Amino acid sequence: MKKVSVIIPVYGVEKYILQTVQSVLNQTYQEFEILIVDDESPDRSVEICQQLNDPRIKIIHQKNQGISAARNAGIRQATGDYIALLDGDDIWVPEKLAKHVKHLDSSPNVGVSYSYSVFIDEQGKSLGIYQISKTEDITPGLIFCRNPVGNGSTPVIRKEVFEEIKYQENWEEGGVACYFDPSLRHIEDVECWLRMSIKTEWAFEGIPEALTQYRIHGMGGSTKLDSQLESMLRVIEKTRAYAPEVTEQYAKPALAYQLRFLARRAVRLRDGGQAVKYFHQAIATSWRILIDEPRRTILTAGAAYLLWLLPQGLYRTMEEWALKRTGKNQERRIIQNPIAQLEMSQSQ
């Protein structure tokens, strides 16, 4: 059996970390180790982890350097054939590892296996909406613009893929092996997936099922909108240094999609002015997103302007209706997928 190393960076997640780690311990596939990387967490997160009595759990301590450095520290000490990433506030469904291991074992050309996600609130309750992306024929351009992997808690990756993209960096004292760029505090996953897709021959492929529960709350990096934009600009310039042809073709649409994403984040934060500003910047950067993804772009514009113009109560009522309708449509898409149909028939 292939061993999976589960890397969990920990910083300020005492409300969620027990549920996160327990979701790994509850996996139907049990050949794993859990590497919890304490990024000098200021709360009781590590103390909670230390109370878990399982020999497969190892706690690694480091000075506060951010999520990229924490993931790097875990990967350097990983002994598994496959490496799974899980943020300290997200949750896996019990079958997740089993399905990814089966996927990778049966697909020798696939280096990165990922899944859909369902959004949950701070209490762990499903919001009824999903993160659904393309699962096949993944190109560097698609990763640059749309990040089909979705979030940092979905992928299970062959260790060989990380070995092919690692580099040395003088981080703190002396050179250490890096996989994620420790200088990035946002978009670090996109930058890593880009290097994997451009510098290696390994394929990306997704499992069209919601195997990850992605938590939405006000504490995460997703609230730091201007910092995310700055990080995206840095990723573009870093990629330009080793893949100028990819950057030339995709930099503008990638930036436009990122600005549209930030507009949606601003909507979620109830900041109509910021939402409209980011949307205007997105269209000014590349108006082609209106042609390539008209429905999503127009919906983003509508949400931004309605939030900006309408009373909060009326907007909230319209938003709840729209989210429920979106969730139902997404559920139909997942159920209609042949793989999901097969899973349902086998469980009956």
Protein backbone atom coordinates (compact mmCIF):
# COMPACT_ATOMS: atom_id res chain seq x y z
CA MET A 1 0.00 0.00 0.00
CA LYS A 2 1.18 3.49 -0.82
CA LYS A 3 1.82 5.74 2.17
CA VAL A 4 0.35 9.26 2.23
CA SER A 5 2.00 12.13 4.10
CA VAL A 6 -0.64 14.66 5.18
CA ILE A 7 0.83 18.15 5.68
CA ILE A 8 -1.20 20.46 7.96
CA PRO A 9 0.18 23.97 8.60
CA VAL A 10 -1.10 25.34 11.90
CA TYR A 11 -1.47 29.00 12.82
CA GLY A 12 -4.36 30.48 14.82
CA VAL A 13 -6.84 27.67 14.14
CA GLU A 14 -7.67 26.41 17.64
CA LYS A 15 -11.41 26.57 16.86
CA TYR A 16 -11.05 24.19 13.94
CA ILE A 17 -7.87 22.10 14.22
CA LEU A 18 -9.36 19.20 16.18
CA GLN A 19 -12.08 18.70 13.58
CA THR A 20 -9.50 19.00 10.79
CA VAL A 21 -7.12 16.38 12.20
CA GLN A 22 -10.01 14.11 13.16
CA SER A 23 -11.20 14.17 9.55
CA VAL A 24 -7.83 12.63 8.59
CA LEU A 25 -7.93 10.04 11.37
CA ASN A 26 -11.42 9.07 10.17
CA GLN A 27 -10.25 8.26 6.64
CA THR A 28 -11.20 4.87 5.23
CA TYR A 29 -7.64 4.68 3.87
CA GLN A 30 -5.40 4.39 6.93
CA GLU A 31 -1.86 4.16 5.51
CA PHE A 32 -0.79 7.72 6.32
CA GLU A 33 1.28 9.96 8.53
CA ILE A 34 0.16 13.41 9.71
CA LEU A 35 2.80 16.14 9.80
CA ILE A 36 1.43 19.09 11.76
CA VAL A 37 3.64 22.13 11.20
CA ASP A 38 3.40 24.68 14.00
CA ASP A 39 4.10 28.07 12.40
CA GLU A 40 4.63 29.58 15.87
CA SER A 41 0.87 29.63 16.45
CA PRO A 42 -0.14 32.15 19.14
CA ASP A 43 -3.15 30.19 20.42
CA ARG A 44 -3.86 26.67 21.75
CA SER A 45 -3.77 24.98 18.34
CA VAL A 46 -0.60 22.99 19.04
CA GLU A 47 -1.65 22.13 22.59
CA ILE A 48 -4.84 20.63 21.18
CA CYS A 49 -2.86 18.58 18.66
CA GLN A 50 -0.53 17.32 21.37
CA GLN A 51 -3.49 15.77 23.17
CA LEU A 52 -4.20 13.47 20.22
CA ASN A 53 -2.77 10.04 20.97
CA ASP A 54 -1.84 8.55 17.61
CA PRO A 55 1.70 7.45 16.69
CA ARG A 56 1.16 8.59 13.09
CA ILE A 57 1.00 12.23 14.21
CA LYS A 58 4.24 14.23 14.24
CA ILE A 59 4.44 17.89 15.25
CA ILE A 60 7.09 20.09 13.64
CA HIS A 61 7.89 23.50 15.12
CA GLN A 62 9.27 26.50 13.23
CA LYS A 63 9.53 30.25 13.61
CA ASN A 64 6.60 32.11 12.06
CA GLN A 65 7.28 32.25 8.32
CA GLY A 66 3.89 31.72 6.70
CA ILE A 67 2.02 28.89 5.06
CA SER A 68 4.51 28.27 2.23
CA ALA A 69 7.43 27.77 4.60
CA ALA A 70 5.25 25.56 6.81
CA ARG A 71 4.29 23.34 3.88
CA ASN A 72 7.93 23.19 2.81
CA ALA A 73 8.97 22.06 6.30
CA GLY A 74 6.40 19.30 6.21
CA ILE A 75 7.32 18.12 2.71
CA ARG A 76 11.02 17.97 3.64
CA GLN A 77 10.21 15.51 6.44
CA ALA A 78 7.55 13.55 4.58
CA THR A 79 8.19 9.82 4.15
CA GLY A 80 5.11 9.00 2.06
CA ASP A 81 4.80 8.13 -1.62
CA TYR A 82 2.03 10.70 -1.96
CA ILE A 83 1.76 14.09 -0.27
CA ALA A 84 -1.64 15.50 0.67
CA LEU A 85 -2.14 19.12 1.66
CA LEU A 86 -4.76 20.19 4.19
CA ASP A 87 -5.22 23.63 5.74
CA GLY A 88 -5.81 23.75 9.49
CA ASP A 89 -9.43 24.90 9.21
CA ASP A 90 -10.71 22.65 6.41
CA ILE A 91 -12.16 19.12 6.50
CA TRP A 92 -11.99 15.97 4.37
CA VAL A 93 -14.81 13.52 3.78
CA PRO A 94 -13.87 9.99 4.98
CA GLU A 95 -13.33 8.54 1.48
CA LYS A 96 -11.04 11.30 0.20
CA LEU A 97 -7.62 9.64 0.57
CA ALA A 98 -8.90 6.28 -0.67
CA LYS A 99 -10.23 7.84 -3.86
CA HIS A 100 -7.10 9.89 -4.56
CA VAL A 101 -4.78 6.93 -3.92
CA LYS A 102 -6.86 4.80 -6.28
CA HIS A 103 -6.79 7.60 -8.86
CA LEU A 104 -3.01 8.01 -8.72
CA ASP A 105 -2.33 4.26 -8.59
CA SER A 106 -4.40 3.72 -11.74
CA SER A 107 -3.11 6.80 -13.64
CA PRO A 108 0.70 6.62 -13.94
CA ASN A 109 0.86 9.88 -15.91
CA VAL A 110 -1.05 11.91 -13.30
CA GLY A 111 1.09 13.71 -10.77
CA VAL A 112 -1.54 15.93 -9.14
CA SER A 113 -4.96 14.56 -8.19
CA TYR A 114 -7.54 17.00 -6.84
CA SER A 115 -11.29 17.22 -6.22
CA TYR A 116 -14.29 19.50 -6.01
CA SER A 117 -14.99 21.25 -2.69
CA VAL A 118 -18.14 22.20 -0.82
CA PHE A 119 -18.13 25.46 1.14
CA ILE A 120 -18.86 25.31 4.88
CA ASP A 121 -19.36 28.07 7.45
CA GLU A 122 -17.47 28.65 10.71
CA GLN A 123 -19.56 26.02 12.49
CA GLY A 124 -18.87 23.42 9.79
CA LYS A 125 -22.35 23.62 8.24
CA SER A 126 -22.58 23.25 4.47
CA LEU A 127 -23.42 26.48 2.65
CA GLY A 128 -24.89 24.46 -0.19
CA ILE A 129 -22.51 25.84 -2.82
CA TYR A 130 -19.51 24.17 -4.41
CA GLN A 131 -16.12 24.88 -5.93
CA ILE A 132 -16.37 23.03 -9.25
CA SER A 133 -13.65 23.18 -11.88
CA LYS A 134 -12.39 21.41 -14.97
CA THR A 135 -10.92 17.97 -14.25
CA GLU A 136 -9.16 17.00 -17.51
CA ASP A 137 -6.82 18.48 -20.14
CA ILE A 138 -5.31 20.92 -17.64
CA THR A 139 -2.86 23.35 -19.27
CA PRO A 140 -0.49 25.94 -17.78
CA GLY A 141 -2.77 28.65 -19.17
CA LEU A 142 -5.78 27.23 -17.34
CA ILE A 143 -3.82 27.02 -14.08
CA PHE A 144 -2.61 30.59 -14.56
CA CYS A 145 -6.08 31.97 -15.20
CA ARG A 146 -8.53 29.70 -13.39
CA ASN A 147 -6.60 27.48 -10.89
CA PRO A 148 -8.65 24.29 -11.38
CA VAL A 149 -7.13 22.76 -8.23
CA GLY A 150 -9.35 25.22 -6.37
CA ASN A 151 -7.77 25.50 -2.91
CA GLY A 152 -4.88 24.20 -0.83
CA SER A 153 -6.84 21.37 0.81
CA THR A 154 -7.83 19.42 -2.31
CA PRO A 155 -4.64 18.04 -3.91
CA VAL A 156 -2.86 14.75 -3.34
CA ILE A 157 0.48 14.83 -5.16
CA ARG A 158 3.19 12.32 -5.98
CA LYS A 159 6.34 13.08 -4.02
CA GLU A 160 8.34 12.87 -7.27
CA VAL A 161 6.54 15.95 -8.58
CA PHE A 162 7.75 18.02 -5.64
CA GLU A 163 11.27 16.66 -6.08
CA GLU A 164 11.32 17.82 -9.69
CA ILE A 165 10.44 21.43 -8.84
CA LYS A 166 12.36 21.94 -5.61
CA TYR A 167 15.00 24.64 -5.38
CA GLN A 168 17.40 25.97 -2.78
CA GLU A 169 16.80 29.26 -1.08
CA ASN A 170 18.67 31.01 1.72
CA TRP A 171 15.68 31.18 4.02
CA GLU A 172 16.56 32.11 7.61
CA GLU A 173 19.94 30.46 8.26
CA GLY A 174 21.46 28.48 5.42
CA GLY A 175 19.96 27.02 2.28
CA VAL A 176 16.95 24.72 2.51
CA ALA A 177 14.88 22.88 -0.08
CA CYS A 178 11.81 24.87 -1.11
CA TYR A 179 8.75 23.72 -3.04
CA PHE A 180 6.30 26.54 -2.37
CA ASP A 181 7.74 30.05 -2.59
CA PRO A 182 8.17 31.21 1.07
CA SER A 183 8.21 34.87 0.01
CA LEU A 184 4.56 34.64 -1.07
CA ARG A 185 1.76 34.91 1.49
CA HIS A 186 -1.04 34.62 -1.10
CA ILE A 187 -1.46 32.83 -4.48
CA GLU A 188 1.44 30.60 -3.42
CA ASP A 189 -0.45 27.51 -4.51
CA VAL A 190 -1.07 28.83 -8.04
CA GLU A 191 2.62 29.67 -8.38
CA CYS A 192 3.57 26.14 -7.30
CA TRP A 193 1.05 24.45 -9.64
CA LEU A 194 2.35 26.63 -12.48
CA ARG A 195 5.91 25.41 -11.98
CA MET A 196 4.67 21.83 -11.83
CA SER A 197 2.74 22.20 -15.07
CA ILE A 198 5.48 24.06 -16.96
CA LYS A 199 8.64 22.39 -15.66
CA THR A 200 7.49 18.75 -15.44
CA GLU A 201 5.67 16.26 -17.65
CA TRP A 202 3.20 15.24 -14.94
CA ALA A 203 -0.50 15.72 -15.66
CA PHE A 204 -3.11 17.36 -13.44
CA GLU A 205 -6.44 15.55 -13.17
CA GLY A 206 -9.43 16.02 -10.92
CA ILE A 207 -12.00 13.73 -9.31
CA PRO A 208 -15.45 15.26 -9.98
CA GLU A 209 -16.73 14.79 -6.44
CA ALA A 210 -16.82 17.13 -3.43
CA LEU A 211 -14.22 15.41 -1.23
CA THR A 212 -13.03 18.57 0.56
CA GLN A 213 -15.01 20.88 2.83
CA TYR A 214 -13.57 24.39 2.47
CA ARG A 215 -14.31 26.71 5.38
CA ILE A 216 -15.38 30.31 4.79
CA HIS A 217 -14.76 32.77 7.62
CA GLY A 218 -13.40 36.24 8.21
CA MET A 219 -9.99 35.23 9.56
CA GLY A 220 -8.26 33.81 6.51
CA GLY A 221 -5.95 35.30 3.93
CA SER A 222 -8.87 35.61 1.51
CA THR A 223 -9.88 38.83 3.29
CA LYS A 224 -6.61 40.63 2.43
CA LEU A 225 -7.60 41.72 -1.04
CA ASP A 226 -4.87 44.21 -1.93
CA SER A 227 -2.20 41.81 -0.68
CA GLN A 228 -3.63 39.09 -2.93
CA LEU A 229 -3.42 41.40 -5.92
CA GLU A 230 0.18 42.28 -5.11
CA SER A 231 1.04 38.58 -4.84
CA MET A 232 -0.54 37.87 -8.22
CA LEU A 233 1.60 40.56 -9.82
CA ARG A 234 4.70 38.97 -8.27
CA VAL A 235 3.70 35.53 -9.55
CA ILE A 236 3.34 36.94 -13.06
CA GLU A 237 6.84 38.44 -12.95
CA LYS A 238 8.36 35.28 -11.45
CA THR A 239 6.78 33.14 -14.17
CA ARG A 240 7.94 35.58 -16.85
CA ALA A 241 11.56 34.90 -15.82
CA TYR A 242 11.44 31.20 -16.80
CA ALA A 243 8.42 30.95 -19.12
CA PRO A 244 8.13 34.24 -21.04
CA GLU A 245 5.97 32.72 -23.79
CA VAL A 246 3.37 31.49 -21.28
CA THR A 247 3.38 34.83 -19.48
CA GLU A 248 3.06 36.79 -22.71
CA GLN A 249 -0.04 34.83 -23.67
CA TYR A 250 -1.78 34.54 -20.31
CA ALA A 251 -0.63 37.32 -17.97
CA LYS A 252 -3.40 39.81 -18.81
CA PRO A 253 -6.32 37.37 -18.67
CA ALA A 254 -4.85 35.81 -15.51
CA LEU A 255 -4.72 39.22 -13.86
CA ALA A 256 -8.25 40.02 -15.07
CA TYR A 257 -9.63 36.79 -13.61
CA GLN A 258 -7.84 37.51 -10.34
CA LEU A 259 -9.40 40.98 -10.20
CA ARG A 260 -12.82 39.49 -10.89
CA PHE A 261 -12.20 36.99 -8.07
CA LEU A 262 -11.29 39.87 -5.74
CA ALA A 263 -14.51 41.62 -6.73
CA ARG A 264 -16.47 38.55 -5.60
CA ARG A 265 -14.46 38.44 -2.36
CA ALA A 266 -15.29 42.10 -1.75
CA VAL A 267 -18.97 41.26 -2.29
CA ARG A 268 -18.70 38.55 0.36
CA LEU A 269 -17.11 41.09 2.71
CA ARG A 270 -20.04 43.46 2.02
CA ASP A 271 -17.77 46.14 0.53
CA GLY A 272 -19.66 47.33 -2.55
CA GLY A 273 -17.23 50.10 -3.38
CA GLN A 274 -14.25 47.73 -3.44
CA ALA A 275 -16.22 45.19 -5.45
CA VAL A 276 -17.07 47.71 -8.16
CA LYS A 277 -13.49 48.99 -8.22
CA TYR A 278 -12.00 45.53 -8.73
CA PHE A 279 -14.58 44.67 -11.37
CA HIS A 280 -13.76 47.83 -13.36
CA GLN A 281 -10.06 46.97 -13.15
CA ALA A 282 -10.77 43.43 -14.37
CA ILE A 283 -12.58 44.62 -17.50
CA ALA A 284 -9.93 47.28 -18.17
CA THR A 285 -7.19 44.64 -17.90
CA SER A 286 -8.81 42.16 -20.30
CA TRP A 287 -12.32 42.74 -21.62
CA ARG A 288 -12.22 39.25 -23.17
CA ILE A 289 -13.40 37.72 -19.90
CA LEU A 290 -16.83 39.05 -20.92
CA ILE A 291 -16.65 36.84 -24.02
CA ASP A 292 -14.86 33.83 -22.53
CA GLU A 293 -17.03 33.63 -19.38
CA PRO A 294 -19.99 35.96 -19.95
CA ARG A 295 -22.36 34.49 -17.37
CA ARG A 296 -19.92 34.48 -14.45
CA THR A 297 -18.56 37.92 -15.34
CA ILE A 298 -22.02 39.48 -15.64
CA LEU A 299 -23.14 37.87 -12.37
CA THR A 300 -20.08 39.33 -10.64
CA ALA A 301 -20.88 42.77 -12.05
CA GLY A 302 -24.50 42.48 -10.96
CA ALA A 303 -23.59 41.45 -7.42
CA ALA A 304 -21.04 44.26 -7.09
CA TYR A 305 -23.38 47.00 -8.35
CA LEU A 306 -26.41 45.76 -6.41
CA LEU A 307 -24.40 45.64 -3.19
CA TRP A 308 -23.13 49.15 -3.90
CA LEU A 309 -26.56 50.61 -4.69
CA LEU A 310 -29.19 48.69 -2.72
CA PRO A 311 -30.07 48.74 0.99
CA GLN A 312 -28.29 45.93 2.84
CA GLY A 313 -31.48 44.12 3.83
CA LEU A 314 -32.82 43.94 0.28
CA TYR A 315 -29.46 42.87 -1.08
CA ARG A 316 -29.12 40.11 1.53
CA THR A 317 -32.53 38.68 0.58
CA MET A 318 -31.60 38.63 -3.12
CA GLU A 319 -28.24 37.06 -2.34
CA GLU A 320 -29.75 34.23 -0.29
CA TRP A 321 -32.11 33.38 -3.14
CA ALA A 322 -29.29 33.45 -5.71
CA LEU A 323 -27.01 31.24 -3.57
CA LYS A 324 -29.73 28.64 -3.06
CA ARG A 325 -30.39 28.51 -6.80
CA THR A 326 -26.66 28.25 -7.55
CA GLY A 327 -26.23 25.43 -5.05
CA LYS A 328 -29.11 23.43 -6.54
CA ASN A 329 -27.69 23.82 -10.04
CA GLN A 330 -24.25 22.71 -8.86
CA GLU A 331 -25.69 19.68 -7.09
CA ARG A 332 -27.42 18.65 -10.32
CA ARG A 333 -24.12 18.93 -12.20
CA ILE A 334 -22.34 16.71 -9.69
CA ILE A 335 -25.12 14.10 -9.60
CA GLN A 336 -25.29 13.99 -13.41
CA ASN A 337 -21.56 13.21 -13.58
CA PRO A 338 -21.04 9.53 -14.57
CA ILE A 339 -18.59 8.92 -11.71
CA ALA A 340 -21.01 10.33 -9.15
CA GLN A 341 -23.81 8.19 -10.60
CA LEU A 342 -21.63 5.10 -10.26
CA GLU A 343 -20.78 5.91 -6.64
CA MET A 344 -24.46 6.41 -5.82
CA SER A 345 -25.48 3.11 -7.46
CA GLN A 346 -22.76 1.22 -5.56
CA SER A 347 -23.91 2.67 -2.23
CA GLN A 348 -27.57 1.66 -2.72
